[in-house]
């Protein structure tokens, strides 16, 4: 495979377990390279809970046809 598009198309055809394995492989390569990954985001639990509640409320409105 010589192009990113070919690799993307091949990855689309993989079963889910192999896609997960591919992601793990790529992350390991990124971590071992000279590039730095951004630090994990420290999001307060309350913020995440609010996002989830807002999303659920929007989903209920969607189902209700509002």
N, C-alpha and C. Protein backbone atom coordinates (compact mmCIF):
# COMPACT_ATOMS: atom_id res chain seq x y z
N UNK A 1 0.85 -1.16 0.00
CA UNK A 1 0.00 0.00 0.00
C UNK A 1 0.89 1.22 0.00
N UNK A 2 0.58 2.11 -0.91
CA UNK A 2 1.48 3.25 -1.06
C UNK A 2 0.85 4.58 -0.70
N UNK A 3 -0.43 4.60 -0.39
CA UNK A 3 -1.03 5.89 -0.06
C UNK A 3 -1.91 5.75 1.18
N UNK A 4 -2.10 6.87 1.82
CA UNK A 4 -2.96 6.89 3.00
C UNK A 4 -4.37 6.46 2.64
N UNK A 5 -4.85 6.85 1.48
CA UNK A 5 -6.20 6.46 1.05
C UNK A 5 -6.33 4.95 0.94
N UNK A 6 -5.32 4.29 0.40
CA UNK A 6 -5.35 2.82 0.32
C UNK A 6 -5.37 2.19 1.71
N UNK A 7 -4.59 2.77 2.62
CA UNK A 7 -4.54 2.25 3.98
C UNK A 7 -5.89 2.45 4.67
N UNK A 8 -6.48 3.64 4.49
CA UNK A 8 -7.80 3.91 5.08
C UNK A 8 -8.85 2.94 4.55
N UNK A 9 -8.83 2.71 3.25
CA UNK A 9 -9.81 1.78 2.65
C UNK A 9 -9.61 0.36 3.17
N UNK A 10 -8.36 -0.05 3.32
CA UNK A 10 -8.10 -1.38 3.85
C UNK A 10 -8.54 -1.47 5.32
N UNK A 11 -8.29 -0.41 6.09
CA UNK A 11 -8.69 -0.40 7.50
C UNK A 11 -10.21 -0.48 7.63
N UNK A 12 -10.93 0.16 6.72
CA UNK A 12 -12.40 0.11 6.75
C UNK A 12 -12.92 -1.32 6.60
N UNK A 13 -12.18 -2.16 5.92
CA UNK A 13 -12.63 -3.54 5.67
C UNK A 13 -12.26 -4.50 6.79
N UNK A 14 -11.49 -4.04 7.77
CA UNK A 14 -11.07 -4.92 8.87
C UNK A 14 -12.23 -5.18 9.82
N UNK A 15 -12.26 -6.37 10.43
CA UNK A 15 -13.23 -6.60 11.50
C UNK A 15 -12.88 -5.73 12.71
N UNK A 16 -13.85 -5.51 13.57
CA UNK A 16 -13.69 -4.59 14.70
C UNK A 16 -12.49 -4.93 15.57
N UNK A 17 -12.27 -6.20 15.87
CA UNK A 17 -11.15 -6.55 16.74
C UNK A 17 -9.81 -6.19 16.10
N UNK A 18 -9.71 -6.32 14.79
CA UNK A 18 -8.47 -5.96 14.11
C UNK A 18 -8.31 -4.44 14.01
N UNK A 19 -9.43 -3.72 13.91
CA UNK A 19 -9.35 -2.25 13.93
C UNK A 19 -8.81 -1.78 15.28
N UNK A 20 -9.27 -2.41 16.36
CA UNK A 20 -8.79 -2.05 17.69
C UNK A 20 -7.30 -2.35 17.81
N UNK A 21 -6.89 -3.46 17.27
CA UNK A 21 -5.47 -3.83 17.29
C UNK A 21 -4.65 -2.82 16.49
N UNK A 22 -5.17 -2.38 15.37
CA UNK A 22 -4.48 -1.38 14.55
C UNK A 22 -4.34 -0.06 15.29
N UNK A 23 -5.39 0.36 15.97
CA UNK A 23 -5.32 1.61 16.73
C UNK A 23 -4.27 1.50 17.84
N UNK A 24 -4.24 0.37 18.53
CA UNK A 24 -3.24 0.17 19.58
C UNK A 24 -1.83 0.23 18.99
N UNK A 25 -1.65 -0.38 17.85
CA UNK A 25 -0.35 -0.36 17.18
C UNK A 25 0.06 1.07 16.84
N UNK A 26 -0.87 1.83 16.26
CA UNK A 26 -0.55 3.20 15.86
C UNK A 26 -0.26 4.09 17.08
N UNK A 27 -1.03 3.91 18.14
CA UNK A 27 -0.77 4.70 19.34
C UNK A 27 0.60 4.37 19.93
N UNK A 28 0.95 3.10 19.93
CA UNK A 28 2.27 2.71 20.44
C UNK A 28 3.37 3.35 19.59
N UNK A 29 3.18 3.38 18.29
CA UNK A 29 4.18 4.01 17.41
C UNK A 29 4.28 5.51 17.67
N UNK A 30 3.13 6.16 17.88
CA UNK A 30 3.14 7.59 18.17
C UNK A 30 3.86 7.88 19.48
N UNK A 31 3.60 7.06 20.47
CA UNK A 31 4.22 7.27 21.78
C UNK A 31 5.72 7.04 21.76
N UNK A 32 6.17 6.10 20.93
CA UNK A 32 7.59 5.79 20.89
C UNK A 32 8.37 6.72 19.97
N UNK A 33 7.66 7.47 19.15
CA UNK A 33 8.32 8.39 18.23
C UNK A 33 8.78 9.65 18.94
N UNK A 34 9.31 10.58 18.17
CA UNK A 34 9.81 11.81 18.77
C UNK A 34 8.70 12.85 18.98
N UNK A 35 7.52 12.58 18.42
CA UNK A 35 6.41 13.51 18.60
C UNK A 35 5.76 13.33 19.95
N UNK A 36 5.31 14.40 20.50
CA UNK A 36 4.67 14.36 21.80
C UNK A 36 3.15 14.33 21.62
N UNK A 37 2.51 13.45 22.35
CA UNK A 37 1.06 13.44 22.38
C UNK A 37 0.59 14.50 23.37
N UNK A 38 -0.55 15.09 23.15
CA UNK A 38 -1.03 16.06 24.13
C UNK A 38 -1.35 15.35 25.44
N UNK A 39 -1.23 16.07 26.54
CA UNK A 39 -1.54 15.44 27.82
C UNK A 39 -3.03 15.13 27.92
N UNK A 40 -3.39 14.15 28.72
CA UNK A 40 -4.81 13.84 28.90
C UNK A 40 -5.54 15.07 29.46
N UNK A 41 -6.76 15.24 29.01
CA UNK A 41 -7.55 16.37 29.51
C UNK A 41 -8.13 16.01 30.88
N UNK A 42 -8.09 16.96 31.76
CA UNK A 42 -8.63 16.77 33.10
C UNK A 42 -9.99 17.47 33.16
N UNK A 43 -11.03 16.74 32.84
CA UNK A 43 -12.38 17.31 32.78
C UNK A 43 -13.11 16.89 34.05
N UNK A 44 -13.64 17.87 34.78
CA UNK A 44 -14.35 17.52 36.02
C UNK A 44 -15.55 16.60 35.74
N UNK A 45 -15.79 15.69 36.67
CA UNK A 45 -16.89 14.73 36.54
C UNK A 45 -18.22 15.46 36.35
N UNK A 46 -18.41 16.57 37.07
CA UNK A 46 -19.66 17.32 36.96
C UNK A 46 -19.87 17.82 35.53
N UNK A 47 -18.83 18.24 34.88
CA UNK A 47 -18.93 18.72 33.50
C UNK A 47 -19.36 17.59 32.58
N UNK A 48 -18.73 16.43 32.73
CA UNK A 48 -19.08 15.28 31.89
C UNK A 48 -20.52 14.86 32.14
N UNK A 49 -20.92 14.84 33.41
CA UNK A 49 -22.30 14.47 33.74
C UNK A 49 -23.29 15.45 33.11
N UNK A 50 -22.96 16.74 33.09
CA UNK A 50 -23.83 17.73 32.47
C UNK A 50 -23.92 17.49 30.96
N UNK A 51 -22.78 17.21 30.33
CA UNK A 51 -22.79 16.91 28.89
C UNK A 51 -23.69 15.72 28.58
N UNK A 52 -23.57 14.68 29.39
CA UNK A 52 -24.38 13.48 29.18
C UNK A 52 -25.86 13.81 29.37
N UNK A 53 -26.18 14.55 30.44
CA UNK A 53 -27.59 14.91 30.70
C UNK A 53 -28.14 15.76 29.57
N UNK A 54 -27.36 16.73 29.09
CA UNK A 54 -27.81 17.57 27.97
C UNK A 54 -28.04 16.73 26.72
N UNK A 55 -27.14 15.79 26.48
CA UNK A 55 -27.26 14.92 25.31
C UNK A 55 -28.51 14.05 25.42
N UNK A 56 -28.73 13.48 26.60
CA UNK A 56 -29.92 12.65 26.80
C UNK A 56 -31.20 13.46 26.62
N UNK A 57 -31.21 14.68 27.13
CA UNK A 57 -32.38 15.54 26.98
C UNK A 57 -32.63 15.84 25.50
N UNK A 58 -31.58 16.13 24.76
CA UNK A 58 -31.72 16.37 23.33
C UNK A 58 -32.22 15.14 22.59
N UNK A 59 -31.75 13.98 23.00
CA UNK A 59 -32.18 12.74 22.36
C UNK A 59 -33.68 12.49 22.63
N UNK A 60 -34.11 12.75 23.88
CA UNK A 60 -35.53 12.59 24.19
C UNK A 60 -36.38 13.56 23.37
N UNK A 61 -35.92 14.80 23.19
CA UNK A 61 -36.64 15.74 22.34
C UNK A 61 -36.71 15.26 20.91
N UNK A 62 -35.59 14.69 20.44
CA UNK A 62 -35.55 14.16 19.07
C UNK A 62 -36.56 13.04 18.89
N UNK A 63 -36.61 12.13 19.86
CA UNK A 63 -37.55 11.02 19.77
C UNK A 63 -39.00 11.50 19.85
N UNK A 64 -39.20 12.58 20.60
CA UNK A 64 -40.56 13.12 20.75
C UNK A 64 -40.99 13.98 19.57
N UNK A 65 -40.08 14.23 18.65
CA UNK A 65 -40.41 15.02 17.46
C UNK A 65 -40.46 16.51 17.71
N UNK A 66 -39.89 16.96 18.82
CA UNK A 66 -39.93 18.39 19.15
C UNK A 66 -38.91 19.15 18.33
